[in-house]
C-alpha atoms as a PDB file:
ATOM      1  CA  MET A   1       0.000   0.000   0.000  1.00  0.00           C
ATOM      2  CA  GLN A   2       1.285   3.418  -0.903  1.00  0.00           C
ATOM      3  CA  GLY A   3       2.218   5.309   2.237  1.00  0.00           C
ATOM      4  CA  ILE A   4       1.552   8.935   3.114  1.00  0.00           C
ATOM      5  CA  HIS A   5       4.568  11.098   2.368  1.00  0.00           C
ATOM      6  CA  GLU A   6       5.216  14.832   2.360  1.00  0.00           C
ATOM      7  CA  TYR A   7       4.625  15.858  -1.235  1.00  0.00           C
ATOM      8  CA  PRO A   8       5.441  19.377  -2.466  1.00  0.00           C
ATOM      9  CA  ALA A   9       2.491  21.703  -2.917  1.00  0.00           C
ATOM     10  CA  ILE A  10       1.591  22.889  -6.407  1.00  0.00           C
ATOM     11  CA  ASP A  11       1.684  26.629  -5.807  1.00  0.00           C
ATOM     12  CA  ASP A  12       1.815  27.847  -9.418  1.00  0.00           C
ATOM     13  CA  LYS A  13      -1.685  28.063 -10.888  1.00  0.00           C
ATOM     14  CA  LYS A  14      -0.394  27.836 -14.454  1.00  0.00           C
ATOM     15  CA  ILE A  15       1.443  24.594 -13.681  1.00  0.00           C
ATOM     16  CA  TYR A  16      -1.654  23.236 -11.923  1.00  0.00           C
ATOM     17  CA  LYS A  17      -3.891  24.061 -14.908  1.00  0.00           C
ATOM     18  CA  GLN A  18      -1.437  22.437 -17.323  1.00  0.00           C
ATOM     19  CA  ALA A  19      -1.228  19.282 -15.228  1.00  0.00           C
ATOM     20  CA  LEU A  20      -5.000  19.217 -14.798  1.00  0.00           C
ATOM     21  CA  LYS A  21      -5.594  19.473 -18.564  1.00  0.00           C
ATOM     22  CA  TYR A  22      -3.011  16.792 -19.299  1.00  0.00           C
ATOM     23  CA  TRP A  23      -4.317  14.209 -16.842  1.00  0.00           C
ATOM     24  CA  GLN A  24      -7.964  14.897 -17.665  1.00  0.00           C
ATOM     25  CA  THR A  25      -7.142  14.236 -21.315  1.00  0.00           C
ATOM     26  CA  GLN A  26      -5.316  11.027 -20.436  1.00  0.00           C
ATOM     27  CA  LEU A  27      -8.283   9.861 -18.371  1.00  0.00           C
ATOM     28  CA  LEU A  28     -10.694  10.667 -21.202  1.00  0.00           C
ATOM     29  CA  HIS A  29      -8.631   8.465 -23.534  1.00  0.00           C
ATOM     30  CA  VAL A  30      -8.799   5.634 -20.998  1.00  0.00           C
ATOM     31  CA  GLN A  31     -12.552   6.085 -20.651  1.00  0.00           C
ATOM     32  CA  GLN A  32     -12.913   5.818 -24.426  1.00  0.00           C
ATOM     33  CA  ALA A  33     -10.872   2.609 -24.395  1.00  0.00           C
ATOM     34  CA  TYR A  34     -13.161   1.174 -21.722  1.00  0.00           C
ATOM     35  CA  TYR A  35     -16.187   2.055 -23.842  1.00  0.00           C
ATOM     36  CA  HIS A  36     -14.808   0.442 -27.019  1.00  0.00           C
ATOM     37  CA  GLN A  37     -13.676  -2.674 -25.158  1.00  0.00           C
ATOM     38  CA  GLY A  38     -16.747  -3.037 -22.933  1.00  0.00           C
ATOM     39  CA  ARG A  39     -14.636  -2.816 -19.779  1.00  0.00           C
ATOM     40  CA  ARG A  40     -15.943  -1.802 -16.351  1.00  0.00           C
ATOM     41  CA  ALA A  41     -14.506  -0.295 -13.199  1.00  0.00           C
ATOM     42  CA  VAL A  42     -15.619   0.743  -9.726  1.00  0.00           C
ATOM     43  CA  ILE A  43     -13.816   3.715  -8.183  1.00  0.00           C
ATOM     44  CA  VAL A  44     -14.144   4.142  -4.406  1.00  0.00           C
ATOM     45  CA  LEU A  45     -13.268   7.461  -2.778  1.00  0.00           C
ATOM     46  CA  GLU A  46     -13.088   7.583   0.993  1.00  0.00           C
ATOM     47  CA  GLY A  47     -11.441  10.123   3.271  1.00  0.00           C
ATOM     48  CA  TRP A  48     -11.760  12.456   6.212  1.00  0.00           C
ATOM     49  CA  ASP A  49     -14.573  15.012   6.244  1.00  0.00           C
ATOM     50  CA  ALA A  50     -13.443  18.076   4.232  1.00  0.00           C
ATOM     51  CA  ALA A  51     -10.556  16.117   2.687  1.00  0.00           C
ATOM     52  CA  GLY A  52     -11.599  17.200  -0.822  1.00  0.00           C
ATOM     53  CA  LYS A  53     -13.422  14.171  -2.200  1.00  0.00           C
ATOM     54  CA  GLY A  54     -16.074  16.273  -3.925  1.00  0.00           C
ATOM     55  CA  GLY A  55     -13.537  18.610  -5.515  1.00  0.00           C
ATOM     56  CA  ALA A  56     -11.449  15.672  -6.693  1.00  0.00           C
ATOM     57  CA  ILE A  57     -14.470  13.933  -8.224  1.00  0.00           C
ATOM     58  CA  ARG A  58     -15.441  17.120 -10.078  1.00  0.00           C
ATOM     59  CA  ARG A  59     -11.983  17.265 -11.665  1.00  0.00           C
ATOM     60  CA  VAL A  60     -12.052  13.553 -12.473  1.00  0.00           C
ATOM     61  CA  THR A  61     -15.380  13.782 -14.290  1.00  0.00           C
ATOM     62  CA  GLU A  62     -15.109  17.292 -15.739  1.00  0.00           C
ATOM     63  CA  LYS A  63     -13.884  16.224 -19.199  1.00  0.00           C
ATOM     64  CA  LEU A  64     -15.320  12.706 -19.334  1.00  0.00           C
ATOM     65  CA  ASP A  65     -18.166  11.655 -21.595  1.00  0.00           C
ATOM     66  CA  PRO A  66     -21.173  11.895 -19.218  1.00  0.00           C
ATOM     67  CA  ARG A  67     -22.719   8.818 -20.817  1.00  0.00           C
ATOM     68  CA  GLY A  68     -19.809   6.700 -19.623  1.00  0.00           C
ATOM     69  CA  TYR A  69     -19.802   7.173 -15.866  1.00  0.00           C
ATOM     70  CA  GLN A  70     -22.084   7.528 -12.867  1.00  0.00           C
ATOM     71  CA  VAL A  71     -21.281   9.159  -9.528  1.00  0.00           C
ATOM     72  CA  TYR A  72     -23.112   7.920  -6.443  1.00  0.00           C
ATOM     73  CA  PRO A  73     -22.808  10.023  -3.265  1.00  0.00           C
ATOM     74  CA  ILE A  74     -23.470   7.578  -0.448  1.00  0.00           C
ATOM     75  CA  ALA A  75     -25.402   8.781   2.586  1.00  0.00           C
ATOM     76  CA  ALA A  76     -27.590   6.991   5.115  1.00  0.00           C
ATOM     77  CA  PRO A  77     -29.628   4.122   3.624  1.00  0.00           C
ATOM     78  CA  THR A  78     -33.161   4.899   2.537  1.00  0.00           C
ATOM     79  CA  GLU A  79     -36.193   3.404   4.264  1.00  0.00           C
ATOM     80  CA  ASP A  80     -36.399   0.796   1.503  1.00  0.00           C
ATOM     81  CA  GLU A  81     -32.729  -0.123   1.951  1.00  0.00           C
ATOM     82  CA  GLN A  82     -32.842  -0.393   5.718  1.00  0.00           C
ATOM     83  CA  GLY A  83     -33.277  -3.912   6.979  1.00  0.00           C
ATOM     84  CA  LYS A  84     -31.577  -5.375   3.896  1.00  0.00           C
ATOM     85  CA  HIS A  85     -27.969  -6.431   3.661  1.00  0.00           C
ATOM     86  CA  TYR A  86     -25.792  -3.290   3.560  1.00  0.00           C
ATOM     87  CA  LEU A  87     -24.231  -4.371   0.243  1.00  0.00           C
ATOM     88  CA  TYR A  88     -27.664  -4.513  -1.389  1.00  0.00           C
ATOM     89  CA  ARG A  89     -27.629  -0.872  -2.448  1.00  0.00           C
ATOM     90  CA  PHE A  90     -24.207  -1.253  -4.054  1.00  0.00           C
ATOM     91  CA  PHE A  91     -25.010  -4.289  -6.159  1.00  0.00           C
ATOM     92  CA  ASN A  92     -27.643  -2.316  -8.063  1.00  0.00           C
ATOM     93  CA  LYS A  93     -25.152   0.480  -8.787  1.00  0.00           C
ATOM     94  CA  LEU A  94     -22.503  -1.639 -10.482  1.00  0.00           C
ATOM     95  CA  PRO A  95     -21.347  -0.352 -13.890  1.00  0.00           C
ATOM     96  CA  SER A  96     -22.691  -1.511 -17.223  1.00  0.00           C
ATOM     97  CA  PRO A  97     -20.205  -2.689 -19.882  1.00  0.00           C
ATOM     98  CA  GLY A  98     -18.084   0.227 -21.084  1.00  0.00           C
ATOM     99  CA  THR A  99     -18.763   2.455 -18.081  1.00  0.00           C
ATOM    100  CA  LEU A 100     -17.328   3.555 -14.726  1.00  0.00           C
ATOM    101  CA  THR A 101     -19.036   3.787 -11.341  1.00  0.00           C
ATOM    102  CA  ILE A 102     -17.672   6.296  -8.810  1.00  0.00           C
ATOM    103  CA  PHE A 103     -18.652   5.997  -5.152  1.00  0.00           C
ATOM    104  CA  ASP A 104     -18.333   9.175  -3.081  1.00  0.00           C
ATOM    105  CA  ARG A 105     -18.082   7.233   0.171  1.00  0.00           C
ATOM    106  CA  SER A 106     -19.041   3.623  -0.075  1.00  0.00           C
ATOM    107  CA  TYR A 107     -19.761   0.271   1.523  1.00  0.00           C
ATOM    108  CA  TYR A 108     -16.766   0.976   3.756  1.00  0.00           C
ATOM    109  CA  GLY A 109     -19.171   2.985   5.871  1.00  0.00           C
ATOM    110  CA  ARG A 110     -19.952  -0.342   7.516  1.00  0.00           C
ATOM    111  CA  VAL A 111     -16.543  -0.429   9.192  1.00  0.00           C
ATOM    112  CA  LEU A 112     -16.282   3.336   9.677  1.00  0.00           C
ATOM    113  CA  VAL A 113     -19.353   5.442  10.528  1.00  0.00           C
ATOM    114  CA  GLU A 114     -21.615   2.454  11.278  1.00  0.00           C
ATOM    115  CA  ARG A 115     -18.969   1.031  13.571  1.00  0.00           C
ATOM    116  CA  ILE A 116     -18.247   4.305  15.397  1.00  0.00           C
ATOM    117  CA  GLU A 117     -21.854   5.460  15.683  1.00  0.00           C
ATOM    118  CA  GLY A 118     -23.189   2.061  16.755  1.00  0.00           C
ATOM    119  CA  PHE A 119     -25.409   1.546  13.691  1.00  0.00           C
ATOM    120  CA  ALA A 120     -23.840  -1.902  13.315  1.00  0.00           C
ATOM    121  CA  THR A 121     -23.199  -4.363  16.101  1.00  0.00           C
ATOM    122  CA  THR A 122     -19.656  -5.439  16.893  1.00  0.00           C
ATOM    123  CA  GLU A 123     -20.304  -8.812  15.283  1.00  0.00           C
ATOM    124  CA  GLN A 124     -21.701  -7.129  12.153  1.00  0.00           C
ATOM    125  CA  TRP A 125     -18.833  -4.717  11.482  1.00  0.00           C
ATOM    126  CA  GLN A 126     -16.175  -7.287  12.347  1.00  0.00           C
ATOM    127  CA  ARG A 127     -17.761  -9.707   9.884  1.00  0.00           C
ATOM    128  CA  ALA A 128     -17.880  -6.962   7.252  1.00  0.00           C
ATOM    129  CA  TYR A 129     -14.146  -7.101   6.511  1.00  0.00           C
ATOM    130  CA  ARG A 130     -14.533 -10.605   5.117  1.00  0.00           C
ATOM    131  CA  GLU A 131     -17.767  -9.705   3.320  1.00  0.00           C
ATOM    132  CA  ILE A 132     -16.189  -6.666   1.672  1.00  0.00           C
ATOM    133  CA  ASN A 133     -13.118  -8.614   0.566  1.00  0.00           C
ATOM    134  CA  GLU A 134     -15.352 -11.292  -0.910  1.00  0.00           C
ATOM    135  CA  PHE A 135     -17.532  -8.651  -2.599  1.00  0.00           C
ATOM    136  CA  GLU A 136     -14.501  -7.019  -4.220  1.00  0.00           C
ATOM    137  CA  GLN A 137     -13.133 -10.401  -5.271  1.00  0.00           C
ATOM    138  CA  LEU A 138     -16.516 -11.155  -6.826  1.00  0.00           C
ATOM    139  CA  LEU A 139     -16.273  -7.912  -8.814  1.00  0.00           C
ATOM    140  CA  ARG A 140     -12.754  -8.720  -9.996  1.00  0.00           C
ATOM    141  CA  ASP A 141     -13.833 -12.227 -10.980  1.00  0.00           C
ATOM    142  CA  ASP A 142     -16.536 -10.581 -13.091  1.00  0.00           C
ATOM    143  CA  ASN A 143     -13.872  -8.423 -14.795  1.00  0.00           C
ATOM    144  CA  ILE A 144     -14.739  -5.242 -12.896  1.00  0.00           C
ATOM    145  CA  LYS A 145     -11.613  -3.370 -11.862  1.00  0.00           C
ATOM    146  CA  VAL A 146     -11.764  -2.036  -8.280  1.00  0.00           C
ATOM    147  CA  ILE A 147      -9.844   1.182  -7.500  1.00  0.00           C
ATOM    148  CA  LYS A 148      -9.805   2.494  -3.920  1.00  0.00           C
ATOM    149  CA  LEU A 149      -8.427   5.847  -2.801  1.00  0.00           C
ATOM    150  CA  PHE A 150      -8.370   7.442   0.630  1.00  0.00           C
ATOM    151  CA  LEU A 151      -7.808  11.199   0.983  1.00  0.00           C
ATOM    152  CA  HIS A 152      -5.958  12.069   4.161  1.00  0.00           C
ATOM    153  CA  ILE A 153      -5.711  15.476   5.847  1.00  0.00           C
ATOM    154  CA  SER A 154      -4.303  16.421   9.227  1.00  0.00           C
ATOM    155  CA  SER A 155      -6.460  17.417  12.168  1.00  0.00           C
ATOM    156  CA  ASP A 156      -5.268  21.035  11.876  1.00  0.00           C
ATOM    157  CA  GLU A 157      -6.070  21.240   8.170  1.00  0.00           C
ATOM    158  CA  GLN A 158      -9.517  19.758   8.728  1.00  0.00           C
ATOM    159  CA  LEU A 159     -10.289  22.374  11.388  1.00  0.00           C
ATOM    160  CA  LYS A 160      -9.062  25.114   9.039  1.00  0.00           C
ATOM    161  CA  ARG A 161     -11.432  23.910   6.296  1.00  0.00           C
ATOM    162  CA  PHE A 162     -14.350  23.674   8.714  1.00  0.00           C
ATOM    163  CA  SER A 163     -13.682  27.308   9.698  1.00  0.00           C
ATOM    164  CA  GLU A 164     -13.586  28.321   6.043  1.00  0.00           C
ATOM    165  CA  ARG A 165     -16.921  26.634   5.425  1.00  0.00           C
ATOM    166  CA  LEU A 166     -18.496  28.244   8.469  1.00  0.00           C
ATOM    167  CA  ASN A 167     -17.453  31.714   7.340  1.00  0.00           C
ATOM    168  CA  ASN A 168     -18.185  31.401   3.619  1.00  0.00           C
ATOM    169  CA  PRO A 169     -21.906  31.809   2.778  1.00  0.00           C
ATOM    170  CA  TYR A 170     -21.447  29.721  -0.358  1.00  0.00           C
ATOM    171  CA  LYS A 171     -19.833  26.850   1.558  1.00  0.00           C
ATOM    172  CA  GLN A 172     -21.808  26.880   4.803  1.00  0.00           C
ATOM    173  CA  TRP A 173     -24.088  24.141   3.513  1.00  0.00           C
ATOM    174  CA  LYS A 174     -21.076  21.807   3.455  1.00  0.00           C
ATOM    175  CA  LEU A 175     -20.596  21.953   7.227  1.00  0.00           C
ATOM    176  CA  THR A 176     -23.015  19.570   8.913  1.00  0.00           C
ATOM    177  CA  GLU A 177     -23.803  18.377  12.406  1.00  0.00           C
ATOM    178  CA  GLU A 178     -22.337  15.037  11.389  1.00  0.00           C
ATOM    179  CA  ASP A 179     -19.018  16.712  10.485  1.00  0.00           C
ATOM    180  CA  ILE A 180     -18.824  18.335  13.908  1.00  0.00           C
ATOM    181  CA  ARG A 181     -19.780  15.128  15.700  1.00  0.00           C
ATOM    182  CA  ASN A 182     -17.253  13.097  13.714  1.00  0.00           C
ATOM    183  CA  ARG A 183     -14.552  15.622  14.546  1.00  0.00           C
ATOM    184  CA  GLN A 184     -14.988  14.854  18.235  1.00  0.00           C
ATOM    185  CA  LYS A 185     -14.364  11.170  17.492  1.00  0.00           C
ATOM    186  CA  ARG A 186     -11.332  11.604  15.246  1.00  0.00           C
ATOM    187  CA  CYS A 187      -9.185   9.260  17.356  1.00  0.00           C
ATOM    188  CA  GLU A 188     -11.824   6.536  17.117  1.00  0.00           C
ATOM    189  CA  TYR A 189     -12.064   7.034  13.352  1.00  0.00           C
ATOM    190  CA  LYS A 190      -8.269   6.896  13.051  1.00  0.00           C
ATOM    191  CA  THR A 191      -8.288   3.470  14.726  1.00  0.00           C
ATOM    192  CA  ALA A 192     -11.116   2.270  12.480  1.00  0.00           C
ATOM    193  CA  ILE A 193      -9.389   3.570   9.334  1.00  0.00           C
ATOM    194  CA  GLU A 194      -6.117   1.844  10.180  1.00  0.00           C
ATOM    195  CA  GLU A 195      -7.927  -1.440  10.795  1.00  0.00           C
ATOM    196  CA  MET A 196      -9.821  -0.996   7.522  1.00  0.00           C
ATOM    197  CA  PHE A 197      -6.519  -0.646   5.657  1.00  0.00           C
ATOM    198  CA  ASN A 198      -4.983  -3.640   7.415  1.00  0.00           C
ATOM    199  CA  LYS A 199      -7.910  -5.946   6.681  1.00  0.00           C
ATOM    200  CA  THR A 200      -9.096  -4.807   3.223  1.00  0.00           C
ATOM    201  CA  HIS A 201      -5.868  -3.930   1.405  1.00  0.00           C
ATOM    202  CA  THR A 202      -5.818  -6.945  -0.892  1.00  0.00           C
ATOM    203  CA  GLN A 203      -4.056  -7.965  -4.070  1.00  0.00           C
ATOM    204  CA  CYS A 204      -7.250  -7.686  -6.111  1.00  0.00           C
ATOM    205  CA  ALA A 205      -8.322  -4.370  -4.574  1.00  0.00           C
ATOM    206  CA  PRO A 206      -5.453  -2.455  -2.941  1.00  0.00           C
ATOM    207  CA  TRP A 207      -5.802   0.901  -1.218  1.00  0.00           C
ATOM    208  CA  SER A 208      -3.955   4.027  -2.378  1.00  0.00           C
ATOM    209  CA  LEU A 209      -3.450   6.920   0.013  1.00  0.00           C
ATOM    210  CA  VAL A 210      -3.510  10.505  -1.251  1.00  0.00           C
ATOM    211  CA  LEU A 211      -2.258  13.354   0.892  1.00  0.00           C
ATOM    212  CA  GLY A 212      -5.017  15.969   0.681  1.00  0.00           C
ATOM    213  CA  GLU A 213      -3.308  18.781   2.589  1.00  0.00           C
ATOM    214  CA  HIS A 214      -2.802  20.752  -0.637  1.00  0.00           C
ATOM    215  CA  LYS A 215      -5.952  20.707  -2.781  1.00  0.00           C
ATOM    216  CA  TRP A 216      -4.277  21.235  -6.156  1.00  0.00           C
ATOM    217  CA  PHE A 217      -1.768  18.476  -5.513  1.00  0.00           C
ATOM    218  CA  ALA A 218      -4.476  16.103  -4.278  1.00  0.00           C
ATOM    219  CA  ARG A 219      -6.677  16.635  -7.334  1.00  0.00           C
ATOM    220  CA  ILE A 220      -3.814  15.913  -9.721  1.00  0.00           C
ATOM    221  CA  GLU A 221      -2.725  12.906  -7.668  1.00  0.00           C
ATOM    222  CA  VAL A 222      -6.246  11.432  -7.705  1.00  0.00           C
ATOM    223  CA  LEU A 223      -6.367  11.833 -11.494  1.00  0.00           C
ATOM    224  CA  LYS A 224      -2.947  10.207 -11.850  1.00  0.00           C
ATOM    225  CA  GLN A 225      -3.780   7.302  -9.528  1.00  0.00           C
ATOM    226  CA  ILE A 226      -7.089   6.556 -11.250  1.00  0.00           C
ATOM    227  CA  THR A 227      -5.595   6.846 -14.736  1.00  0.00           C
ATOM    228  CA  ALA A 228      -2.704   4.533 -13.843  1.00  0.00           C
ATOM    229  CA  ALA A 229      -4.974   1.930 -12.254  1.00  0.00           C
ATOM    230  CA  LEU A 230      -7.443   1.966 -15.152  1.00  0.00           C
ATOM    231  CA  THR A 231      -4.639   1.759 -17.715  1.00  0.00           C
ATOM    232  CA  ALA A 232      -2.951  -1.293 -16.192  1.00  0.00           C
ATOM    233  CA  ASN A 233      -3.170  -4.224 -18.638  1.00  0.00           C
ATOM    234  CA  VAL A 234      -5.446  -2.229 -20.956  1.00  0.00           C
ATOM    235  CA  GLN A 235      -4.794  -1.266 -24.565  1.00  0.00           C
ATOM    236  CA  VAL A 236      -5.565   2.447 -24.541  1.00  0.00           C
ATOM    237  CA  GLU A 237      -4.901   3.245 -28.206  1.00  0.00           C
ATOM    238  CA  PRO A 238      -8.127   3.834 -30.186  1.00  0.00           C
ATOM    239  CA  PRO A 239      -9.381   1.014 -32.419  1.00  0.00           C
ATOM    240  CA  ALA A 240      -8.651   1.103 -36.129  1.00  0.00           C
ATOM    241  CA  LEU A 241     -11.222   2.900 -38.243  1.00  0.00           C
ATOM    242  CA  ASN A 242     -13.679   0.662 -40.078  1.00  0.00           C
ATOM    243  CA  PRO A 243     -12.531   0.590 -43.752  1.00  0.00           C
ATOM    244  CA  LYS A 244     -16.164   0.862 -44.816  1.00  0.00           C
ATOM    245  CA  ILE A 245     -16.435   4.236 -43.061  1.00  0.00           C
ATOM    246  CA  THR A 246     -13.325   5.442 -44.866  1.00  0.00           C
ATOM    247  CA  GLN A 247     -14.751   4.323 -48.199  1.00  0.00           C
ATOM    248  CA  LEU A 248     -18.179   5.892 -47.599  1.00  0.00           C
ATOM    249  CA  ALA A 249     -16.640   9.178 -46.449  1.00  0.00           C
ATOM    250  CA  GLU A 250     -14.604   9.409 -49.627  1.00  0.00           C
ATOM    251  CA  GLN A 251     -17.419   8.348 -51.972  1.00  0.00           C
ATOM    252  CA  GLN A 252     -20.327  10.276 -50.459  1.00  0.00           C
ATOM    253  CA  LEU A 253     -18.662  13.173 -48.634  1.00  0.00           C
ATOM    254  CA  GLY A 254     -15.582  13.688 -50.761  1.00  0.00           C
ATOM    255  CA  ILE A 255     -13.206  13.568 -47.801  1.00  0.00           C
ATOM    256  CA  LYS A 256     -10.203  11.324 -47.332  1.00  0.00           C
ATOM    257  CA  GLN A 257      -8.560   9.987 -44.229  1.00  0.00           C
ATOM    258  CA  GLN A 258      -5.162  11.583 -43.741  1.00  0.00           C
ATOM    259  CA  ARG A 259      -2.428   8.940 -43.655  1.00  0.00           C
ATOM    260  CA  THR A 260       0.175   9.295 -40.933  1.00  0.00           C
END
């Protein structure tokens, strides 16, 4: 598992914009390859409150074909979902051939918030490590790539971002009672997160840690990590053009394919 290291901040906006454009373009090319080849992937984003998951997801999806991905922000289960197995609501969100599914928080809530807040019994959340590993193995066996990222920020940086949200009218909606309550239990969450890594970092679905202290760096790093994971063992180059299309374009439109 990739460890958390001190990465340099990206302080130059021009450099950030250049890197953002480059990696968004690379990711778009990978998405197109997945579409042409009928491949599928599940991308899981977890992290501390205010770690930048939403901002990272916006940059990941900004240039993608909207027909080829779906983002699911995961909150408390609905009335219909309550009383059913906690993985139920994730099975029906799995990607169709040629598409990506992005979970903004995920089934890992079972061993995080449900564990800390007492929504799951000790027996239930302890059993969940095995269930989650088996679920992710099931996805891999069905040729669905599983990519898991955790955005980490320090306690001081989290408090700074909470203060910014509180004092910015356009961001106040982001600060919730749950955020404040979770902040008081940060030590408990730290223990739960470490155990989650230890028990669910597997060969078929490893965790990658992204230092979220600097937002620009984190957004680029998320793009790079996702692009690299999606590209592994995948032919990204576009498929050859159908000769019939070339012939029809020349005959009926009077245009020729430029030879390189």
